[in-house]
C-alpha atoms as a PDB file:
ATOM      1  CA  MET A   1      50.246 -75.787 -65.070  1.00  0.00           C
ATOM      2  CA  THR A   2      48.708 -74.375 -61.867  1.00  0.00           C
ATOM      3  CA  LYS A   3      45.231 -72.954 -61.408  1.00  0.00           C
ATOM      4  CA  GLN A   4      46.692 -69.462 -61.120  1.00  0.00           C
ATOM      5  CA  ALA A   5      48.602 -69.830 -64.361  1.00  0.00           C
ATOM      6  CA  SER A   6      45.480 -70.985 -66.157  1.00  0.00           C
ATOM      7  CA  LEU A   7      43.436 -68.067 -64.789  1.00  0.00           C
ATOM      8  CA  PHE A   8      45.890 -65.416 -65.869  1.00  0.00           C
ATOM      9  CA  GLY A   9      47.133 -67.122 -68.979  1.00  0.00           C
ATOM     10  CA  GLY A  10      50.181 -69.330 -68.912  1.00  0.00           C
ATOM     11  CA  LEU A  11      52.561 -70.584 -71.508  1.00  0.00           C
ATOM     12  CA  TYR A  12      49.983 -72.969 -72.951  1.00  0.00           C
ATOM     13  CA  SER A  13      46.925 -70.769 -72.440  1.00  0.00           C
ATOM     14  CA  CYS A  14      45.262 -68.316 -74.788  1.00  0.00           C
ATOM     15  CA  GLY A  15      43.848 -66.231 -71.874  1.00  0.00           C
ATOM     16  CA  PRO A  16      44.858 -62.705 -70.981  1.00  0.00           C
ATOM     17  CA  SER A  17      48.288 -62.027 -69.551  1.00  0.00           C
ATOM     18  CA  PRO A  18      48.524 -60.704 -65.980  1.00  0.00           C
ATOM     19  CA  THR A  19      49.145 -57.223 -67.361  1.00  0.00           C
ATOM     20  CA  GLN A  20      46.041 -57.393 -69.542  1.00  0.00           C
ATOM     21  CA  PHE A  21      43.996 -58.772 -66.668  1.00  0.00           C
ATOM     22  CA  HIS A  22      45.106 -55.956 -64.347  1.00  0.00           C
ATOM     23  CA  PHE A  23      44.375 -53.407 -67.058  1.00  0.00           C
ATOM     24  CA  VAL A  24      40.828 -54.730 -67.464  1.00  0.00           C
ATOM     25  CA  ILE A  25      40.230 -54.686 -63.698  1.00  0.00           C
ATOM     26  CA  LEU A  26      41.691 -51.182 -63.429  1.00  0.00           C
ATOM     27  CA  SER A  27      39.625 -50.013 -66.379  1.00  0.00           C
ATOM     28  CA  VAL A  28      36.380 -51.345 -64.868  1.00  0.00           C
ATOM     29  CA  PHE A  29      37.232 -49.829 -61.504  1.00  0.00           C
ATOM     30  CA  THR A  30      38.147 -46.483 -63.105  1.00  0.00           C
ATOM     31  CA  HIS A  31      34.886 -46.312 -65.049  1.00  0.00           C
ATOM     32  CA  ARG A  32      32.910 -47.095 -61.894  1.00  0.00           C
ATOM     33  CA  VAL A  33      34.731 -44.373 -59.958  1.00  0.00           C
ATOM     34  CA  ILE A  34      34.154 -41.892 -62.789  1.00  0.00           C
ATOM     35  CA  ARG A  35      30.409 -42.685 -62.817  1.00  0.00           C
ATOM     36  CA  GLU A  36      30.207 -42.259 -59.046  1.00  0.00           C
ATOM     37  CA  LEU A  37      32.078 -38.953 -59.189  1.00  0.00           C
ATOM     38  CA  GLU A  38      29.841 -37.701 -62.009  1.00  0.00           C
ATOM     39  CA  ALA A  39      26.760 -38.616 -59.963  1.00  0.00           C
ATOM     40  CA  GLN A  40      28.187 -36.829 -56.928  1.00  0.00           C
ATOM     41  CA  LEU A  41      29.033 -33.807 -59.077  1.00  0.00           C
ATOM     42  CA  GLU A  42      25.454 -33.666 -60.402  1.00  0.00           C
ATOM     43  CA  TYR A  43      24.080 -33.925 -56.859  1.00  0.00           C
ATOM     44  CA  GLU A  44      26.330 -31.072 -55.691  1.00  0.00           C
ATOM     45  CA  ARG A  45      25.357 -28.995 -58.743  1.00  0.00           C
ATOM     46  CA  GLU A  46      21.645 -29.422 -57.977  1.00  0.00           C
ATOM     47  CA  LYS A  47      22.279 -28.631 -54.313  1.00  0.00           C
ATOM     48  CA  ARG A  48      24.163 -25.447 -55.287  1.00  0.00           C
ATOM     49  CA  GLU A  49      21.346 -24.370 -57.626  1.00  0.00           C
ATOM     50  CA  LYS A  50      18.777 -24.816 -54.845  1.00  0.00           C
ATOM     51  CA  LEU A  51      20.921 -22.792 -52.445  1.00  0.00           C
ATOM     52  CA  GLU A  52      21.384 -20.055 -55.060  1.00  0.00           C
ATOM     53  CA  ALA A  53      17.618 -19.887 -55.580  1.00  0.00           C
ATOM     54  CA  GLN A  54      17.124 -19.659 -51.820  1.00  0.00           C
ATOM     55  CA  MET A  55      19.719 -16.862 -51.659  1.00  0.00           C
ATOM     56  CA  ASP A  56      17.883 -14.960 -54.406  1.00  0.00           C
ATOM     57  CA  LYS A  57      14.631 -15.198 -52.438  1.00  0.00           C
ATOM     58  CA  LEU A  58      16.348 -14.058 -49.254  1.00  0.00           C
ATOM     59  CA  ARG A  59      18.003 -11.130 -51.058  1.00  0.00           C
ATOM     60  CA  ALA A  60      14.607 -10.065 -52.382  1.00  0.00           C
ATOM     61  CA  GLN A  61      13.158 -10.334 -48.886  1.00  0.00           C
ATOM     62  CA  ILE A  62      16.036  -8.271 -47.460  1.00  0.00           C
ATOM     63  CA  HIS A  63      15.423  -5.631 -50.131  1.00  0.00           C
ATOM     64  CA  THR A  64      11.710  -5.502 -49.289  1.00  0.00           C
ATOM     65  CA  LEU A  65      12.417  -5.255 -45.557  1.00  0.00           C
ATOM     66  CA  THR A  66      15.012  -2.527 -46.141  1.00  0.00           C
ATOM     67  CA  LEU A  67      12.483  -0.492 -48.119  1.00  0.00           C
ATOM     68  CA  GLN A  68       9.885  -0.981 -45.386  1.00  0.00           C
ATOM     69  CA  LEU A  69      12.393   0.089 -42.741  1.00  0.00           C
ATOM     70  CA  GLU A  70      13.331   3.200 -44.694  1.00  0.00           C
ATOM     71  CA  ASP A  71       9.640   4.006 -45.149  1.00  0.00           C
ATOM     72  CA  GLU A  72       8.981   3.593 -41.402  1.00  0.00           C
ATOM     73  CA  ARG A  73      11.991   5.744 -40.534  1.00  0.00           C
ATOM     74  CA  GLY A  74      10.679   8.412 -42.893  1.00  0.00           C
ATOM     75  CA  ARG A  75       7.250   8.295 -41.280  1.00  0.00           C
ATOM     76  CA  HIS A  76       8.785   8.397 -37.801  1.00  0.00           C
ATOM     77  CA  LEU A  77      10.958  11.387 -38.663  1.00  0.00           C
ATOM     78  CA  THR A  78       7.986  13.177 -40.197  1.00  0.00           C
ATOM     79  CA  ALA A  79       5.891  12.496 -37.074  1.00  0.00           C
ATOM     80  CA  VAL A  80       8.725  13.702 -34.821  1.00  0.00           C
ATOM     81  CA  ASP A  81       9.110  16.849 -36.938  1.00  0.00           C
ATOM     82  CA  ILE A  82       5.375  17.548 -36.665  1.00  0.00           C
ATOM     83  CA  LEU A  83       5.408  16.997 -32.903  1.00  0.00           C
ATOM     84  CA  TYR A  84       8.518  19.131 -32.503  1.00  0.00           C
ATOM     85  CA  THR A  85       7.055  21.897 -34.640  1.00  0.00           C
ATOM     86  CA  ASN A  86       3.766  21.780 -32.715  1.00  0.00           C
ATOM     87  CA  THR A  87       5.671  21.862 -29.414  1.00  0.00           C
ATOM     88  CA  LEU A  88       7.619  24.930 -30.494  1.00  0.00           C
ATOM     89  CA  SER A  89       4.491  26.755 -31.694  1.00  0.00           C
ATOM     90  CA  VAL A  90       2.668  26.070 -28.394  1.00  0.00           C
ATOM     91  CA  LYS A  91       5.371  27.781 -26.344  1.00  0.00           C
END
């Protein structure tokens, strides 16, 4: 019997057959890949949550700035109306 036959189970060996050996290797590899993918998925999920929180803050800031802009436009229009009215009354 050769070394290879004894490693994989030969006619006189009680070890695993080549099919069983490959299944075990594939199973270990598959579980490792699944763990790595789950870890990557968790990382991406946390990254997405942080970006969503940042988007919420930016949306709130945009809303605040929009309100300030509308308020300034209102003040500007009121000031222009007063100036225009005063200009007309002077003539």
